[in-house]
Amino acid sequence: MAWLNIDYYAYLEASGFFAPFLFIALHLFRPLLFLPIIMLCMVGGIWFGIVAGTIYSMVGIMLSSIVFYILMKYNPRGREYVFSLKGKLIGEKRKLSTSQITILRLVPFIHFYALSLCLLEIHADFKTYLRASFISIFPFSIVYTSIGTSLIHINNSRIFIAVGLFFLLFFMLRRKETVINWTTFFSQAYYKKNA
C-alpha cells in the first residue's frame, strides 16, 4: 500500500483538533472540488477509523444535504439542471421510495444529488427531508467508511462477505411483481375467480 503514505498521517496529526472540522468542511466543498463522495468517505475510514470516520462523514453529508435543500428551494436554474440529470438517470416520472434511494446510494455511479432530488420530491417538508436523508445516508457512510478502513488490512474473506451481503440486500429489496400468463388473463375462469 504505497499510496498510503505516512505524510497523510503526519498531516492529520499536525492538524490535531481541527482535523475533523477540516474533513467536514471538505465534505461541504466536495462538489466544487469535483471529489467523489465515495472516495471522501473511504478517506475518512482510513484517517479516522470506522466509527469516527462514519460520524464525521455523516455530519459532512448531512450539512451538504441541508445546503442542497436550500439551493433547490431558492435556485430554480439549479433545480432544473438537477431535474434534467435525474430524468436521464432515473426517469422523468419515476417515484422512488426512501428505501430504494438508500440502496441506490450504495451504487457508485449514480449521481448523489439526483438521488437527493428524488428525496426532495417525496419529502418536501424540511424535517421529513432531513430524516429521509439521514436514513439514506447512514448505510452509505457505514459501507464506504468501512471499505476505507479495510483497505489498510484487506482480506479476501471480508470482500466475499461484503459482496454476498450486498447481493442479499438487493434480492430482499427487489420489486415484487405478479406475472399473469396471456391465456390465463383472457380466460373466463380467471375473471370468475377474481370477481
C-alpha atoms as a PDB file:
ATOM      1  CA  MET A   1       0.000   0.000   0.000  1.00  0.00           C
ATOM      2  CA  ALA A   2       2.490   2.553  -1.189  1.00  0.00           C
ATOM      3  CA  TRP A   3      -0.221   5.147  -1.771  1.00  0.00           C
ATOM      4  CA  LEU A   4      -0.974   5.112   1.965  1.00  0.00           C
ATOM      5  CA  ASN A   5       1.959   7.338   2.648  1.00  0.00           C
ATOM      6  CA  ILE A   6       2.929   8.411   6.164  1.00  0.00           C
ATOM      7  CA  ASP A   7       2.564  12.049   5.043  1.00  0.00           C
ATOM      8  CA  TYR A   8      -1.227  11.747   5.319  1.00  0.00           C
ATOM      9  CA  TYR A   9      -0.959  10.657   8.911  1.00  0.00           C
ATOM     10  CA  ALA A  10       1.619  13.351   9.668  1.00  0.00           C
ATOM     11  CA  TYR A  11      -0.713  15.987   8.229  1.00  0.00           C
ATOM     12  CA  LEU A  12      -3.596  14.580  10.242  1.00  0.00           C
ATOM     13  CA  GLU A  13      -1.592  14.584  13.464  1.00  0.00           C
ATOM     14  CA  ALA A  14      -0.332  18.108  12.776  1.00  0.00           C
ATOM     15  CA  SER A  15      -3.860  19.413  12.323  1.00  0.00           C
ATOM     16  CA  GLY A  16      -4.876  17.749  15.601  1.00  0.00           C
ATOM     17  CA  PHE A  17      -8.111  19.177  16.952  1.00  0.00           C
ATOM     18  CA  PHE A  18      -9.063  20.777  13.638  1.00  0.00           C
ATOM     19  CA  ALA A  19      -8.788  17.585  11.550  1.00  0.00           C
ATOM     20  CA  PRO A  20     -12.462  16.581  11.946  1.00  0.00           C
ATOM     21  CA  PHE A  21     -13.599  20.117  11.132  1.00  0.00           C
ATOM     22  CA  LEU A  22     -11.374  20.207   8.050  1.00  0.00           C
ATOM     23  CA  PHE A  23     -12.755  16.844   6.954  1.00  0.00           C
ATOM     24  CA  ILE A  24     -16.367  18.009   7.409  1.00  0.00           C
ATOM     25  CA  ALA A  25     -15.562  21.224   5.510  1.00  0.00           C
ATOM     26  CA  LEU A  26     -14.081  19.085   2.752  1.00  0.00           C
ATOM     27  CA  HIS A  27     -17.458  17.326   2.527  1.00  0.00           C
ATOM     28  CA  LEU A  28     -19.164  20.700   2.160  1.00  0.00           C
ATOM     29  CA  PHE A  29     -16.838  21.902  -0.594  1.00  0.00           C
ATOM     30  CA  ARG A  30     -16.653  18.499  -2.284  1.00  0.00           C
ATOM     31  CA  PRO A  31     -18.930  19.431  -5.236  1.00  0.00           C
ATOM     32  CA  LEU A  32     -16.786  22.472  -6.015  1.00  0.00           C
ATOM     33  CA  LEU A  33     -13.608  20.388  -5.907  1.00  0.00           C
ATOM     34  CA  PHE A  34     -15.150  17.576  -8.017  1.00  0.00           C
ATOM     35  CA  LEU A  35     -14.288  14.966  -5.407  1.00  0.00           C
ATOM     36  CA  PRO A  36     -16.293  11.742  -5.440  1.00  0.00           C
ATOM     37  CA  ILE A  37     -18.248  11.310  -2.232  1.00  0.00           C
ATOM     38  CA  ILE A  38     -17.327   7.633  -2.067  1.00  0.00           C
ATOM     39  CA  MET A  39     -13.633   8.451  -2.116  1.00  0.00           C
ATOM     40  CA  LEU A  40     -14.094  11.010   0.641  1.00  0.00           C
ATOM     41  CA  CYS A  41     -15.912   8.509   2.870  1.00  0.00           C
ATOM     42  CA  MET A  42     -13.170   5.954   2.247  1.00  0.00           C
ATOM     43  CA  VAL A  43     -10.522   8.520   3.153  1.00  0.00           C
ATOM     44  CA  GLY A  44     -12.462   9.196   6.365  1.00  0.00           C
ATOM     45  CA  GLY A  45     -12.248   5.498   7.170  1.00  0.00           C
ATOM     46  CA  ILE A  46      -8.514   5.467   6.526  1.00  0.00           C
ATOM     47  CA  TRP A  47      -7.786   8.625   8.517  1.00  0.00           C
ATOM     48  CA  PHE A  48     -10.202   8.366  11.433  1.00  0.00           C
ATOM     49  CA  GLY A  49     -11.254   4.717  11.614  1.00  0.00           C
ATOM     50  CA  ILE A  50     -14.689   3.258  11.069  1.00  0.00           C
ATOM     51  CA  VAL A  51     -16.589   4.860  13.972  1.00  0.00           C
ATOM     52  CA  ALA A  52     -15.196   8.390  13.897  1.00  0.00           C
ATOM     53  CA  GLY A  53     -14.950   8.367  10.082  1.00  0.00           C
ATOM     54  CA  THR A  54     -18.612   7.368   9.794  1.00  0.00           C
ATOM     55  CA  ILE A  55     -19.691  10.063  12.244  1.00  0.00           C
ATOM     56  CA  TYR A  56     -17.669  12.786  10.515  1.00  0.00           C
ATOM     57  CA  SER A  57     -18.876  11.668   7.087  1.00  0.00           C
ATOM     58  CA  MET A  58     -22.478  11.638   8.315  1.00  0.00           C
ATOM     59  CA  VAL A  59     -22.156  15.170   9.680  1.00  0.00           C
ATOM     60  CA  GLY A  60     -20.498  16.420   6.489  1.00  0.00           C
ATOM     61  CA  ILE A  61     -23.011  14.755   4.183  1.00  0.00           C
ATOM     62  CA  MET A  62     -25.961  15.967   6.268  1.00  0.00           C
ATOM     63  CA  LEU A  63     -24.650  19.538   6.131  1.00  0.00           C
ATOM     64  CA  SER A  64     -24.195  19.106   2.397  1.00  0.00           C
ATOM     65  CA  SER A  65     -27.804  17.859   2.165  1.00  0.00           C
ATOM     66  CA  ILE A  66     -29.011  20.945   4.024  1.00  0.00           C
ATOM     67  CA  VAL A  67     -27.124  23.190   1.594  1.00  0.00           C
ATOM     68  CA  PHE A  68     -28.614  21.203  -1.305  1.00  0.00           C
ATOM     69  CA  TYR A  69     -32.128  21.631   0.109  1.00  0.00           C
ATOM     70  CA  ILE A  70     -31.659  25.391   0.413  1.00  0.00           C
ATOM     71  CA  LEU A  71     -30.180  25.676  -3.090  1.00  0.00           C
ATOM     72  CA  MET A  72     -33.006  23.665  -4.640  1.00  0.00           C
ATOM     73  CA  LYS A  73     -35.673  25.694  -2.889  1.00  0.00           C
ATOM     74  CA  TYR A  74     -34.241  29.087  -3.817  1.00  0.00           C
ATOM     75  CA  ASN A  75     -32.414  28.448  -7.120  1.00  0.00           C
ATOM     76  CA  PRO A  76     -34.771  27.470  -9.959  1.00  0.00           C
ATOM     77  CA  ARG A  77     -31.980  27.166 -12.555  1.00  0.00           C
ATOM     78  CA  GLY A  78     -30.073  24.705 -10.429  1.00  0.00           C
ATOM     79  CA  ARG A  79     -33.256  22.771  -9.755  1.00  0.00           C
ATOM     80  CA  GLU A  80     -33.973  22.494 -13.493  1.00  0.00           C
ATOM     81  CA  TYR A  81     -30.449  21.199 -14.138  1.00  0.00           C
ATOM     82  CA  VAL A  82     -30.687  18.544 -11.429  1.00  0.00           C
ATOM     83  CA  PHE A  83     -34.206  17.600 -12.625  1.00  0.00           C
ATOM     84  CA  SER A  84     -32.834  17.024 -16.128  1.00  0.00           C
ATOM     85  CA  LEU A  85     -29.996  14.945 -14.678  1.00  0.00           C
ATOM     86  CA  LYS A  86     -32.487  12.944 -12.636  1.00  0.00           C
ATOM     87  CA  GLY A  87     -34.619  12.433 -15.749  1.00  0.00           C
ATOM     88  CA  LYS A  88     -31.662  10.999 -17.650  1.00  0.00           C
ATOM     89  CA  LEU A  89     -30.547   8.679 -14.855  1.00  0.00           C
ATOM     90  CA  ILE A  90     -33.766   7.536 -13.238  1.00  0.00           C
ATOM     91  CA  GLY A  91     -36.640   8.654 -15.455  1.00  0.00           C
ATOM     92  CA  GLU A  92     -38.923  11.655 -15.571  1.00  0.00           C
ATOM     93  CA  LYS A  93     -41.985  10.217 -13.875  1.00  0.00           C
ATOM     94  CA  ARG A  94     -40.499   7.513 -11.705  1.00  0.00           C
ATOM     95  CA  LYS A  95     -41.022   8.000  -7.982  1.00  0.00           C
ATOM     96  CA  LEU A  96     -38.660   6.111  -5.724  1.00  0.00           C
ATOM     97  CA  SER A  97     -39.210   5.226  -2.100  1.00  0.00           C
ATOM     98  CA  THR A  98     -36.733   6.129   0.635  1.00  0.00           C
ATOM     99  CA  SER A  99     -35.575   2.507   0.911  1.00  0.00           C
ATOM    100  CA  GLN A 100     -34.948   2.346  -2.847  1.00  0.00           C
ATOM    101  CA  ILE A 101     -32.962   5.581  -2.680  1.00  0.00           C
ATOM    102  CA  THR A 102     -30.971   4.124   0.221  1.00  0.00           C
ATOM    103  CA  ILE A 103     -29.996   1.152  -1.938  1.00  0.00           C
ATOM    104  CA  LEU A 104     -29.253   3.329  -4.961  1.00  0.00           C
ATOM    105  CA  ARG A 105     -26.909   5.474  -2.872  1.00  0.00           C
ATOM    106  CA  LEU A 106     -24.742   2.391  -2.431  1.00  0.00           C
ATOM    107  CA  VAL A 107     -24.282   2.134  -6.206  1.00  0.00           C
ATOM    108  CA  PRO A 108     -21.136   4.119  -7.030  1.00  0.00           C
ATOM    109  CA  PHE A 109     -22.055   5.555 -10.436  1.00  0.00           C
ATOM    110  CA  ILE A 110     -25.459   7.085  -9.635  1.00  0.00           C
ATOM    111  CA  HIS A 111     -25.309  10.832  -9.045  1.00  0.00           C
ATOM    112  CA  PHE A 112     -25.625  11.662  -5.341  1.00  0.00           C
ATOM    113  CA  TYR A 113     -27.605  14.869  -5.779  1.00  0.00           C
ATOM    114  CA  ALA A 114     -30.007  13.318  -8.299  1.00  0.00           C
ATOM    115  CA  LEU A 115     -30.972  10.899  -5.531  1.00  0.00           C
ATOM    116  CA  SER A 116     -31.220  13.801  -3.098  1.00  0.00           C
ATOM    117  CA  LEU A 117     -33.618  15.419  -5.542  1.00  0.00           C
ATOM    118  CA  CYS A 118     -35.716  12.240  -5.515  1.00  0.00           C
ATOM    119  CA  LEU A 119     -35.860  12.570  -1.728  1.00  0.00           C
ATOM    120  CA  LEU A 120     -36.855  16.201  -2.113  1.00  0.00           C
ATOM    121  CA  GLU A 121     -39.701  15.198  -4.434  1.00  0.00           C
ATOM    122  CA  ILE A 122     -41.017  12.693  -1.899  1.00  0.00           C
ATOM    123  CA  HIS A 123     -40.431  14.790   1.218  1.00  0.00           C
ATOM    124  CA  ALA A 124     -40.964  18.487   0.521  1.00  0.00           C
ATOM    125  CA  ASP A 125     -41.006  19.424   4.216  1.00  0.00           C
ATOM    126  CA  PHE A 126     -37.563  20.240   5.663  1.00  0.00           C
ATOM    127  CA  LYS A 127     -37.835  17.934   8.698  1.00  0.00           C
ATOM    128  CA  THR A 128     -39.011  14.923   6.729  1.00  0.00           C
ATOM    129  CA  TYR A 129     -36.357  15.594   4.078  1.00  0.00           C
ATOM    130  CA  LEU A 130     -33.643  15.632   6.756  1.00  0.00           C
ATOM    131  CA  ARG A 131     -34.982  12.443   8.316  1.00  0.00           C
ATOM    132  CA  ALA A 132     -35.102  10.689   4.939  1.00  0.00           C
ATOM    133  CA  SER A 133     -31.619  11.995   4.098  1.00  0.00           C
ATOM    134  CA  PHE A 134     -30.273  10.617   7.359  1.00  0.00           C
ATOM    135  CA  ILE A 135     -31.899   7.242   6.707  1.00  0.00           C
ATOM    136  CA  SER A 136     -30.496   7.063   3.181  1.00  0.00           C
ATOM    137  CA  ILE A 137     -27.025   8.314   4.103  1.00  0.00           C
ATOM    138  CA  PHE A 138     -26.455   6.120   7.159  1.00  0.00           C
ATOM    139  CA  PRO A 139     -25.807   2.783   5.339  1.00  0.00           C
ATOM    140  CA  PHE A 140     -23.840   4.603   2.634  1.00  0.00           C
ATOM    141  CA  SER A 141     -21.496   6.152   5.204  1.00  0.00           C
ATOM    142  CA  ILE A 142     -21.006   2.913   7.100  1.00  0.00           C
ATOM    143  CA  VAL A 143     -20.321   0.821   3.990  1.00  0.00           C
ATOM    144  CA  TYR A 144     -17.825   3.127   2.318  1.00  0.00           C
ATOM    145  CA  THR A 145     -16.089   4.186   5.531  1.00  0.00           C
ATOM    146  CA  SER A 146     -15.634   0.530   6.475  1.00  0.00           C
ATOM    147  CA  ILE A 147     -14.285  -0.168   2.984  1.00  0.00           C
ATOM    148  CA  GLY A 148     -11.768   2.619   3.531  1.00  0.00           C
ATOM    149  CA  THR A 149     -10.819   1.179   6.918  1.00  0.00           C
ATOM    150  CA  SER A 150     -10.471  -2.319   5.485  1.00  0.00           C
ATOM    151  CA  LEU A 151      -8.197  -1.077   2.692  1.00  0.00           C
ATOM    152  CA  ILE A 152      -5.451  -0.870   5.268  1.00  0.00           C
ATOM    153  CA  HIS A 153      -5.841  -4.563   6.172  1.00  0.00           C
ATOM    154  CA  ILE A 154      -7.519  -6.072   3.125  1.00  0.00           C
ATOM    155  CA  ASN A 155      -8.743  -9.644   3.463  1.00  0.00           C
ATOM    156  CA  ASN A 156     -10.398 -11.845   0.814  1.00  0.00           C
ATOM    157  CA  SER A 157     -12.986 -13.265   3.201  1.00  0.00           C
ATOM    158  CA  ARG A 158     -14.212  -9.762   4.054  1.00  0.00           C
ATOM    159  CA  ILE A 159     -14.590  -8.961   0.372  1.00  0.00           C
ATOM    160  CA  PHE A 160     -16.676 -12.100  -0.242  1.00  0.00           C
ATOM    161  CA  ILE A 161     -18.843 -11.409   2.809  1.00  0.00           C
ATOM    162  CA  ALA A 162     -19.414  -7.791   1.745  1.00  0.00           C
ATOM    163  CA  VAL A 163     -20.320  -8.764  -1.827  1.00  0.00           C
ATOM    164  CA  GLY A 164     -22.626 -11.516  -0.538  1.00  0.00           C
ATOM    165  CA  LEU A 165     -24.397  -9.125   1.819  1.00  0.00           C
ATOM    166  CA  PHE A 166     -24.720  -6.591  -0.972  1.00  0.00           C
ATOM    167  CA  PHE A 167     -26.413  -9.132  -3.277  1.00  0.00           C
ATOM    168  CA  LEU A 168     -28.634 -10.345  -0.435  1.00  0.00           C
ATOM    169  CA  LEU A 169     -29.724  -6.768   0.218  1.00  0.00           C
ATOM    170  CA  PHE A 170     -30.552  -6.253  -3.457  1.00  0.00           C
ATOM    171  CA  PHE A 171     -32.525  -9.503  -3.503  1.00  0.00           C
ATOM    172  CA  MET A 172     -34.518  -8.629  -0.387  1.00  0.00           C
ATOM    173  CA  LEU A 173     -35.445  -5.141  -1.588  1.00  0.00           C
ATOM    174  CA  ARG A 174     -36.303  -6.053  -5.162  1.00  0.00           C
ATOM    175  CA  ARG A 175     -39.621  -5.107  -6.642  1.00  0.00           C
ATOM    176  CA  LYS A 176     -42.060  -7.990  -6.424  1.00  0.00           C
ATOM    177  CA  GLU A 177     -44.400  -8.231  -9.398  1.00  0.00           C
ATOM    178  CA  THR A 178     -47.139 -10.654 -10.321  1.00  0.00           C
ATOM    179  CA  VAL A 179     -46.877 -12.121 -13.805  1.00  0.00           C
ATOM    180  CA  ILE A 180     -50.093 -13.420 -15.322  1.00  0.00           C
ATOM    181  CA  ASN A 181     -49.932 -15.708 -18.330  1.00  0.00           C
ATOM    182  CA  TRP A 182     -51.590 -14.379 -21.511  1.00  0.00           C
ATOM    183  CA  THR A 183     -54.071 -17.241 -21.783  1.00  0.00           C
ATOM    184  CA  THR A 184     -54.873 -17.126 -18.086  1.00  0.00           C
ATOM    185  CA  PHE A 185     -55.546 -13.404 -18.229  1.00  0.00           C
ATOM    186  CA  PHE A 186     -58.050 -13.730 -21.048  1.00  0.00           C
ATOM    187  CA  SER A 187     -59.731 -16.908 -19.822  1.00  0.00           C
ATOM    188  CA  GLN A 188     -63.233 -16.774 -18.366  1.00  0.00           C
ATOM    189  CA  ALA A 189     -62.236 -18.846 -15.325  1.00  0.00           C
ATOM    190  CA  TYR A 190     -59.748 -16.170 -14.234  1.00  0.00           C
ATOM    191  CA  TYR A 191     -62.425 -13.447 -14.257  1.00  0.00           C
ATOM    192  CA  LYS A 192     -64.948 -15.585 -12.385  1.00  0.00           C
ATOM    193  CA  LYS A 193     -62.385 -16.458  -9.711  1.00  0.00           C
ATOM    194  CA  ASN A 194     -61.197 -12.837  -9.202  1.00  0.00           C
ATOM    195  CA  ALA A 195     -64.601 -11.139  -9.447  1.00  0.00           C
END
